[in-house]
Amino acid sequence: MNKQSLKNHIAVLKRTRDACSSQLDIGTLTELDGVIEGFQGLVENRYSAEEIARLILRALKVIAVVVSISTNIHDFLK
C-alpha cells in the first residue's frame, strides 16, 4: 500500500468519525481512533506483513460496526 493511499484512507476514516461520532459508543470511537493511529503509524514507519494484516482486520471490523450503527442494518435483516 503506498503512502498516498494510506493518507486517503486516514482522511476518509477521520471524516467518518466526525460525521458519525454522535451515533457511536465510546468503545467504537476508541477503536476507530486506534485504527486511525495505526494507519498513521504505517505512513511514518515500516511494519511487518502480520501487523499490517491485523490492522486491516481491525479497520474492517470497526467499519462494519459504524455502518451497522449508522444505517440500522439489523432492522432490515430481521
PDB file of N, CA and C in Angstrom:
ATOM      1  N   MET A   1       0.859  -1.170   0.000  1.00  0.00           N
ATOM      2  CA  MET A   1       0.000   0.000   0.000  1.00  0.00           C
ATOM      3  C   MET A   1       0.907   1.235   0.000  1.00  0.00           C
ATOM      4  N   ASN A   2       0.675   2.151  -0.920  1.00  0.00           N
ATOM      5  CA  ASN A   2       1.540   3.325  -0.966  1.00  0.00           C
ATOM      6  C   ASN A   2       1.072   4.395   0.020  1.00  0.00           C
ATOM      7  N   LYS A   3       1.952   5.356   0.258  1.00  0.00           N
ATOM      8  CA  LYS A   3       1.673   6.369   1.280  1.00  0.00           C
ATOM      9  C   LYS A   3       0.477   7.249   0.934  1.00  0.00           C
ATOM     10  N   GLN A   4       0.295   7.560  -0.336  1.00  0.00           N
ATOM     11  CA  GLN A   4      -0.843   8.411  -0.712  1.00  0.00           C
ATOM     12  C   GLN A   4      -2.167   7.690  -0.455  1.00  0.00           C
ATOM     13  N   SER A   5      -2.220   6.393  -0.751  1.00  0.00           N
ATOM     14  CA  SER A   5      -3.428   5.612  -0.462  1.00  0.00           C
ATOM     15  C   SER A   5      -3.704   5.589   1.031  1.00  0.00           C
ATOM     16  N   LEU A   6      -2.671   5.398   1.827  1.00  0.00           N
ATOM     17  CA  LEU A   6      -2.846   5.407   3.280  1.00  0.00           C
ATOM     18  C   LEU A   6      -3.374   6.754   3.761  1.00  0.00           C
ATOM     19  N   LYS A   7      -2.820   7.825   3.242  1.00  0.00           N
ATOM     20  CA  LYS A   7      -3.289   9.155   3.638  1.00  0.00           C
ATOM     21  C   LYS A   7      -4.748   9.356   3.257  1.00  0.00           C
ATOM     22  N   ASN A   8      -5.144   8.857   2.094  1.00  0.00           N
ATOM     23  CA  ASN A   8      -6.550   8.949   1.678  1.00  0.00           C
ATOM     24  C   ASN A   8      -7.449   8.140   2.599  1.00  0.00           C
ATOM     25  N   HIS A   9      -7.016   6.931   2.968  1.00  0.00           N
ATOM     26  CA  HIS A   9      -7.807   6.090   3.881  1.00  0.00           C
ATOM     27  C   HIS A   9      -7.939   6.760   5.254  1.00  0.00           C
ATOM     28  N   ILE A  10      -6.860   7.353   5.719  1.00  0.00           N
ATOM     29  CA  ILE A  10      -6.890   8.054   7.005  1.00  0.00           C
ATOM     30  C   ILE A  10      -7.886   9.208   6.949  1.00  0.00           C
ATOM     31  N   ALA A  11      -7.859   9.968   5.881  1.00  0.00           N
ATOM     32  CA  ALA A  11      -8.780  11.106   5.737  1.00  0.00           C
ATOM     33  C   ALA A  11     -10.234  10.640   5.729  1.00  0.00           C
ATOM     34  N   VAL A  12     -10.508   9.540   5.031  1.00  0.00           N
ATOM     35  CA  VAL A  12     -11.874   9.009   4.981  1.00  0.00           C
ATOM     36  C   VAL A  12     -12.314   8.528   6.364  1.00  0.00           C
ATOM     37  N   LEU A  13     -11.428   7.827   7.066  1.00  0.00           N
ATOM     38  CA  LEU A  13     -11.770   7.362   8.410  1.00  0.00           C
ATOM     39  C   LEU A  13     -12.018   8.528   9.360  1.00  0.00           C
ATOM     40  N   LYS A  14     -11.236   9.587   9.246  1.00  0.00           N
ATOM     41  CA  LYS A  14     -11.446  10.764  10.100  1.00  0.00           C
ATOM     42  C   LYS A  14     -12.778  11.442   9.786  1.00  0.00           C
ATOM     43  N   ARG A  15     -13.096  11.564   8.493  1.00  0.00           N
ATOM     44  CA  ARG A  15     -14.393  12.165   8.123  1.00  0.00           C
ATOM     45  C   ARG A  15     -15.550  11.306   8.619  1.00  0.00           C
ATOM     46  N   THR A  16     -15.386   9.991   8.526  1.00  0.00           N
ATOM     47  CA  THR A  16     -16.423   9.079   9.019  1.00  0.00           C
ATOM     48  C   THR A  16     -16.605   9.244  10.519  1.00  0.00           C
ATOM     49  N   ARG A  17     -15.482   9.300  11.240  1.00  0.00           N
ATOM     50  CA  ARG A  17     -15.548   9.501  12.694  1.00  0.00           C
ATOM     51  C   ARG A  17     -16.258  10.800  13.024  1.00  0.00           C
ATOM     52  N   ASP A  18     -15.916  11.872  12.337  1.00  0.00           N
ATOM     53  CA  ASP A  18     -16.533  13.168  12.615  1.00  0.00           C
ATOM     54  C   ASP A  18     -18.026  13.167  12.293  1.00  0.00           C
ATOM     55  N   ALA A  19     -18.398  12.512  11.209  1.00  0.00           N
ATOM     56  CA  ALA A  19     -19.796  12.504  10.781  1.00  0.00           C
ATOM     57  C   ALA A  19     -20.672  11.627  11.665  1.00  0.00           C
ATOM     58  N   CYS A  20     -20.115  10.543  12.176  1.00  0.00           N
ATOM     59  CA  CYS A  20     -20.914   9.561  12.911  1.00  0.00           C
ATOM     60  C   CYS A  20     -20.639   9.544  14.409  1.00  0.00           C
ATOM     61  N   SER A  21     -19.823  10.436  14.904  1.00  0.00           N
ATOM     62  CA  SER A  21     -19.402  10.353  16.303  1.00  0.00           C
ATOM     63  C   SER A  21     -20.564  10.431  17.289  1.00  0.00           C
ATOM     64  N   SER A  22     -21.613  11.156  16.958  1.00  0.00           N
ATOM     65  CA  SER A  22     -22.743  11.269  17.881  1.00  0.00           C
ATOM     66  C   SER A  22     -23.547   9.974  17.971  1.00  0.00           C
ATOM     67  N   GLN A  23     -23.425   9.099  16.969  1.00  0.00           N
ATOM     68  CA  GLN A  23     -24.181   7.843  16.964  1.00  0.00           C
ATOM     69  C   GLN A  23     -23.387   6.677  17.544  1.00  0.00           C
ATOM     70  N   LEU A  24     -22.082   6.842  17.686  1.00  0.00           N
ATOM     71  CA  LEU A  24     -21.230   5.735  18.094  1.00  0.00           C
ATOM     72  C   LEU A  24     -20.976   5.760  19.591  1.00  0.00           C
ATOM     73  N   ASP A  25     -20.807   4.563  20.171  1.00  0.00           N
ATOM     74  CA  ASP A  25     -20.479   4.498  21.581  1.00  0.00           C
ATOM     75  C   ASP A  25     -18.980   4.719  21.770  1.00  0.00           C
ATOM     76  N   ILE A  26     -18.566   4.892  23.011  1.00  0.00           N
ATOM     77  CA  ILE A  26     -17.178   5.228  23.304  1.00  0.00           C
ATOM     78  C   ILE A  26     -16.222   4.114  22.889  1.00  0.00           C
ATOM     79  N   GLY A  27     -16.638   2.874  22.988  1.00  0.00           N
ATOM     80  CA  GLY A  27     -15.786   1.758  22.585  1.00  0.00           C
ATOM     81  C   GLY A  27     -15.495   1.766  21.094  1.00  0.00           C
ATOM     82  N   THR A  28     -16.518   2.032  20.309  1.00  0.00           N
ATOM     83  CA  THR A  28     -16.348   2.088  18.861  1.00  0.00           C
ATOM     84  C   THR A  28     -15.492   3.285  18.470  1.00  0.00           C
ATOM     85  N   LEU A  29     -15.709   4.431  19.113  1.00  0.00           N
ATOM     86  CA  LEU A  29     -14.891   5.605  18.823  1.00  0.00           C
ATOM     87  C   LEU A  29     -13.425   5.370  19.182  1.00  0.00           C
ATOM     88  N   THR A  30     -13.203   4.705  20.313  1.00  0.00           N
ATOM     89  CA  THR A  30     -11.838   4.398  20.733  1.00  0.00           C
ATOM     90  C   THR A  30     -11.164   3.466  19.738  1.00  0.00           C
ATOM     91  N   GLU A  31     -11.887   2.448  19.278  1.00  0.00           N
ATOM     92  CA  GLU A  31     -11.326   1.516  18.304  1.00  0.00           C
ATOM     93  C   GLU A  31     -11.059   2.226  16.971  1.00  0.00           C
ATOM     94  N   LEU A  32     -11.961   3.092  16.556  1.00  0.00           N
ATOM     95  CA  LEU A  32     -11.770   3.847  15.329  1.00  0.00           C
ATOM     96  C   LEU A  32     -10.543   4.753  15.437  1.00  0.00           C
ATOM     97  N   ASP A  33     -10.389   5.412  16.573  1.00  0.00           N
ATOM     98  CA  ASP A  33      -9.196   6.237  16.788  1.00  0.00           C
ATOM     99  C   ASP A  33      -7.927   5.387  16.769  1.00  0.00           C
ATOM    100  N   GLY A  34      -7.994   4.178  17.328  1.00  0.00           N
ATOM    101  CA  GLY A  34      -6.845   3.281  17.304  1.00  0.00           C
ATOM    102  C   GLY A  34      -6.465   2.859  15.897  1.00  0.00           C
ATOM    103  N   VAL A  35      -7.471   2.600  15.081  1.00  0.00           N
ATOM    104  CA  VAL A  35      -7.215   2.226  13.688  1.00  0.00           C
ATOM    105  C   VAL A  35      -6.599   3.409  12.933  1.00  0.00           C
ATOM    106  N   ILE A  36      -7.118   4.591  13.168  1.00  0.00           N
ATOM    107  CA  ILE A  36      -6.562   5.783  12.521  1.00  0.00           C
ATOM    108  C   ILE A  36      -5.108   5.979  12.924  1.00  0.00           C
ATOM    109  N   GLU A  37      -4.822   5.847  14.215  1.00  0.00           N
ATOM    110  CA  GLU A  37      -3.439   5.969  14.690  1.00  0.00           C
ATOM    111  C   GLU A  37      -2.549   4.886  14.088  1.00  0.00           C
ATOM    112  N   GLY A  38      -3.084   3.683  13.955  1.00  0.00           N
ATOM    113  CA  GLY A  38      -2.321   2.599  13.350  1.00  0.00           C
ATOM    114  C   GLY A  38      -1.962   2.888  11.910  1.00  0.00           C
ATOM    115  N   PHE A  39      -2.932   3.399  11.145  1.00  0.00           N
ATOM    116  CA  PHE A  39      -2.658   3.749   9.758  1.00  0.00           C
ATOM    117  C   PHE A  39      -1.662   4.903   9.666  1.00  0.00           C
ATOM    118  N   GLN A  40      -1.759   5.869  10.591  1.00  0.00           N
ATOM    119  CA  GLN A  40      -0.785   6.957  10.600  1.00  0.00           C
ATOM    120  C   GLN A  40       0.610   6.421  10.901  1.00  0.00           C
ATOM    121  N   GLY A  41       0.689   5.406  11.743  1.00  0.00           N
ATOM    122  CA  GLY A  41       1.972   4.769  12.025  1.00  0.00           C
ATOM    123  C   GLY A  41       2.542   4.077  10.803  1.00  0.00           C
ATOM    124  N   LEU A  42       1.663   3.538   9.969  1.00  0.00           N
ATOM    125  CA  LEU A  42       2.129   2.899   8.734  1.00  0.00           C
ATOM    126  C   LEU A  42       2.760   3.916   7.783  1.00  0.00           C
ATOM    127  N   VAL A  43       2.225   5.127   7.779  1.00  0.00           N
ATOM    128  CA  VAL A  43       2.773   6.166   6.913  1.00  0.00           C
ATOM    129  C   VAL A  43       4.183   6.532   7.379  1.00  0.00           C
ATOM    130  N   GLU A  44       4.383   6.563   8.695  1.00  0.00           N
ATOM    131  CA  GLU A  44       5.646   7.026   9.257  1.00  0.00           C
ATOM    132  C   GLU A  44       6.693   5.925   9.401  1.00  0.00           C
ATOM    133  N   ASN A  45       6.278   4.689   9.616  1.00  0.00           N
ATOM    134  CA  ASN A  45       7.204   3.596   9.909  1.00  0.00           C
ATOM    135  C   ASN A  45       6.903   2.384   9.051  1.00  0.00           C
ATOM    136  N   ARG A  46       7.758   1.406   9.150  1.00  0.00           N
ATOM    137  CA  ARG A  46       7.524   0.131   8.473  1.00  0.00           C
ATOM    138  C   ARG A  46       7.056  -0.895   9.496  1.00  0.00           C
ATOM    139  N   TYR A  47       6.080  -1.681   9.106  1.00  0.00           N
ATOM    140  CA  TYR A  47       5.557  -2.751   9.945  1.00  0.00           C
ATOM    141  C   TYR A  47       5.668  -4.062   9.188  1.00  0.00           C
ATOM    142  N   SER A  48       5.568  -5.149   9.931  1.00  0.00           N
ATOM    143  CA  SER A  48       5.597  -6.457   9.285  1.00  0.00           C
ATOM    144  C   SER A  48       4.255  -6.714   8.595  1.00  0.00           C
ATOM    145  N   ALA A  49       4.256  -7.669   7.699  1.00  0.00           N
ATOM    146  CA  ALA A  49       3.019  -8.018   6.979  1.00  0.00           C
ATOM    147  C   ALA A  49       1.960  -8.499   7.952  1.00  0.00           C
ATOM    148  N   GLU A  50       2.364  -9.179   9.008  1.00  0.00           N
ATOM    149  CA  GLU A  50       1.417  -9.672  10.008  1.00  0.00           C
ATOM    150  C   GLU A  50       0.756  -8.507  10.752  1.00  0.00           C
ATOM    151  N   GLU A  51       1.525  -7.502  11.121  1.00  0.00           N
ATOM    152  CA  GLU A  51       0.962  -6.333  11.805  1.00  0.00           C
ATOM    153  C   GLU A  51       0.015  -5.564  10.891  1.00  0.00           C
ATOM    154  N   ILE A  52       0.370  -5.462   9.639  1.00  0.00           N
ATOM    155  CA  ILE A  52      -0.497  -4.776   8.679  1.00  0.00           C
ATOM    156  C   ILE A  52      -1.803  -5.537   8.507  1.00  0.00           C
ATOM    157  N   ALA A  53      -1.718  -6.868   8.430  1.00  0.00           N
ATOM    158  CA  ALA A  53      -2.927  -7.693   8.285  1.00  0.00           C
ATOM    159  C   ALA A  53      -3.845  -7.524   9.491  1.00  0.00           C
ATOM    160  N   ARG A  54      -3.265  -7.491  10.695  1.00  0.00           N
ATOM    161  CA  ARG A  54      -4.074  -7.278  11.903  1.00  0.00           C
ATOM    162  C   ARG A  54      -4.752  -5.911  11.889  1.00  0.00           C
ATOM    163  N   LEU A  55      -4.019  -4.894  11.456  1.00  0.00           N
ATOM    164  CA  LEU A  55      -4.576  -3.547  11.407  1.00  0.00           C
ATOM    165  C   LEU A  55      -5.706  -3.461  10.388  1.00  0.00           C
ATOM    166  N   ILE A  56      -5.535  -4.094   9.252  1.00  0.00           N
ATOM    167  CA  ILE A  56      -6.591  -4.096   8.231  1.00  0.00           C
ATOM    168  C   ILE A  56      -7.829  -4.813   8.745  1.00  0.00           C
ATOM    169  N   LEU A  57      -7.645  -5.921   9.459  1.00  0.00           N
ATOM    170  CA  LEU A  57      -8.781  -6.636  10.040  1.00  0.00           C
ATOM    171  C   LEU A  57      -9.508  -5.766  11.059  1.00  0.00           C
ATOM    172  N   ARG A  58      -8.751  -5.067  11.901  1.00  0.00           N
ATOM    173  CA  ARG A  58      -9.362  -4.143  12.869  1.00  0.00           C
ATOM    174  C   ARG A  58     -10.154  -3.064  12.144  1.00  0.00           C
ATOM    175  N   ALA A  59      -9.583  -2.533  11.062  1.00  0.00           N
ATOM    176  CA  ALA A  59     -10.252  -1.478  10.305  1.00  0.00           C
ATOM    177  C   ALA A  59     -11.561  -1.984   9.716  1.00  0.00           C
ATOM    178  N   LEU A  60     -11.539  -3.177   9.153  1.00  0.00           N
ATOM    179  CA  LEU A  60     -12.763  -3.738   8.572  1.00  0.00           C
ATOM    180  C   LEU A  60     -13.828  -3.973   9.634  1.00  0.00           C
ATOM    181  N   LYS A  61     -13.415  -4.449  10.802  1.00  0.00           N
ATOM    182  CA  LYS A  61     -14.382  -4.674  11.889  1.00  0.00           C
ATOM    183  C   LYS A  61     -15.017  -3.376  12.356  1.00  0.00           C
ATOM    184  N   VAL A  62     -14.205  -2.341  12.531  1.00  0.00           N
ATOM    185  CA  VAL A  62     -14.758  -1.076  13.004  1.00  0.00           C
ATOM    186  C   VAL A  62     -15.627  -0.423  11.931  1.00  0.00           C
ATOM    187  N   ILE A  63     -15.266  -0.577  10.669  1.00  0.00           N
ATOM    188  CA  ILE A  63     -16.110  -0.061   9.582  1.00  0.00           C
ATOM    189  C   ILE A  63     -17.452  -0.777   9.575  1.00  0.00           C
ATOM    190  N   ALA A  64     -17.441  -2.082   9.804  1.00  0.00           N
ATOM    191  CA  ALA A  64     -18.692  -2.847   9.861  1.00  0.00           C
ATOM    192  C   ALA A  64     -19.579  -2.359  10.995  1.00  0.00           C
ATOM    193  N   VAL A  65     -18.990  -2.059  12.133  1.00  0.00           N
ATOM    194  CA  VAL A  65     -19.770  -1.558  13.273  1.00  0.00           C
ATOM    195  C   VAL A  65     -20.349  -0.188  12.951  1.00  0.00           C
ATOM    196  N   VAL A  66     -19.546   0.676  12.369  1.00  0.00           N
ATOM    197  CA  VAL A  66     -20.015   2.023  12.027  1.00  0.00           C
ATOM    198  C   VAL A  66     -21.167   1.953  11.032  1.00  0.00           C
ATOM    199  N   VAL A  67     -21.023   1.143  10.004  1.00  0.00           N
ATOM    200  CA  VAL A  67     -22.087   1.004   9.006  1.00  0.00           C
ATOM    201  C   VAL A  67     -23.337   0.423   9.649  1.00  0.00           C
ATOM    202  N   SER A  68     -23.161  -0.580  10.486  1.00  0.00           N
ATOM    203  CA  SER A  68     -24.296  -1.208  11.147  1.00  0.00           C
ATOM    204  C   SER A  68     -25.050  -0.213  12.026  1.00  0.00           C
ATOM    205  N   ILE A  69     -24.322   0.568  12.797  1.00  0.00           N
ATOM    206  CA  ILE A  69     -24.956   1.525  13.701  1.00  0.00           C
ATOM    207  C   ILE A  69     -25.586   2.678  12.927  1.00  0.00           C
ATOM    208  N   SER A  70     -24.876   3.196  11.960  1.00  0.00           N
ATOM    209  CA  SER A  70     -25.377   4.388  11.270  1.00  0.00           C
ATOM    210  C   SER A  70     -26.511   4.098  10.302  1.00  0.00           C
ATOM    211  N   THR A  71     -26.639   2.864   9.836  1.00  0.00           N
ATOM    212  CA  THR A  71     -27.717   2.551   8.900  1.00  0.00           C
ATOM    213  C   THR A  71     -28.819   1.704   9.511  1.00  0.00           C
ATOM    214  N   ASN A  72     -28.638   1.273  10.749  1.00  0.00           N
ATOM    215  CA  ASN A  72     -29.599   0.372  11.405  1.00  0.00           C
ATOM    216  C   ASN A  72     -29.861  -0.837  10.539  1.00  0.00           C
ATOM    217  N   ILE A  73     -28.819  -1.406   9.991  1.00  0.00           N
ATOM    218  CA  ILE A  73     -28.945  -2.541   9.065  1.00  0.00           C
ATOM    219  C   ILE A  73     -29.567  -3.759   9.736  1.00  0.00           C
ATOM    220  N   HIS A  74     -29.401  -3.862  11.041  1.00  0.00           N
ATOM    221  CA  HIS A  74     -30.002  -5.003  11.742  1.00  0.00           C
ATOM    222  C   HIS A  74     -31.525  -5.004  11.601  1.00  0.00           C
ATOM    223  N   ASP A  75     -32.139  -3.831  11.566  1.00  0.00           N
ATOM    224  CA  ASP A  75     -33.587  -3.746  11.399  1.00  0.00           C
ATOM    225  C   ASP A  75     -34.020  -4.288  10.020  1.00  0.00           C
ATOM    226  N   PHE A  76     -33.210  -4.041   9.019  1.00  0.00           N
ATOM    227  CA  PHE A  76     -33.538  -4.520   7.686  1.00  0.00           C
ATOM    228  C   PHE A  76     -33.335  -6.030   7.541  1.00  0.00           C
ATOM    229  N   LEU A  77     -32.455  -6.591   8.341  1.00  0.00           N
ATOM    230  CA  LEU A  77     -32.163  -8.025   8.238  1.00  0.00           C
ATOM    231  C   LEU A  77     -33.179  -8.887   8.980  1.00  0.00           C
ATOM    232  N   LYS A  78     -33.990  -8.302   9.809  1.00  0.00           N
ATOM    233  CA  LYS A  78     -34.993  -9.062  10.565  1.00  0.00           C
ATOM    234  C   LYS A  78     -36.183  -9.408   9.724  1.00  0.00           C
TER     235      LYS A  78
END
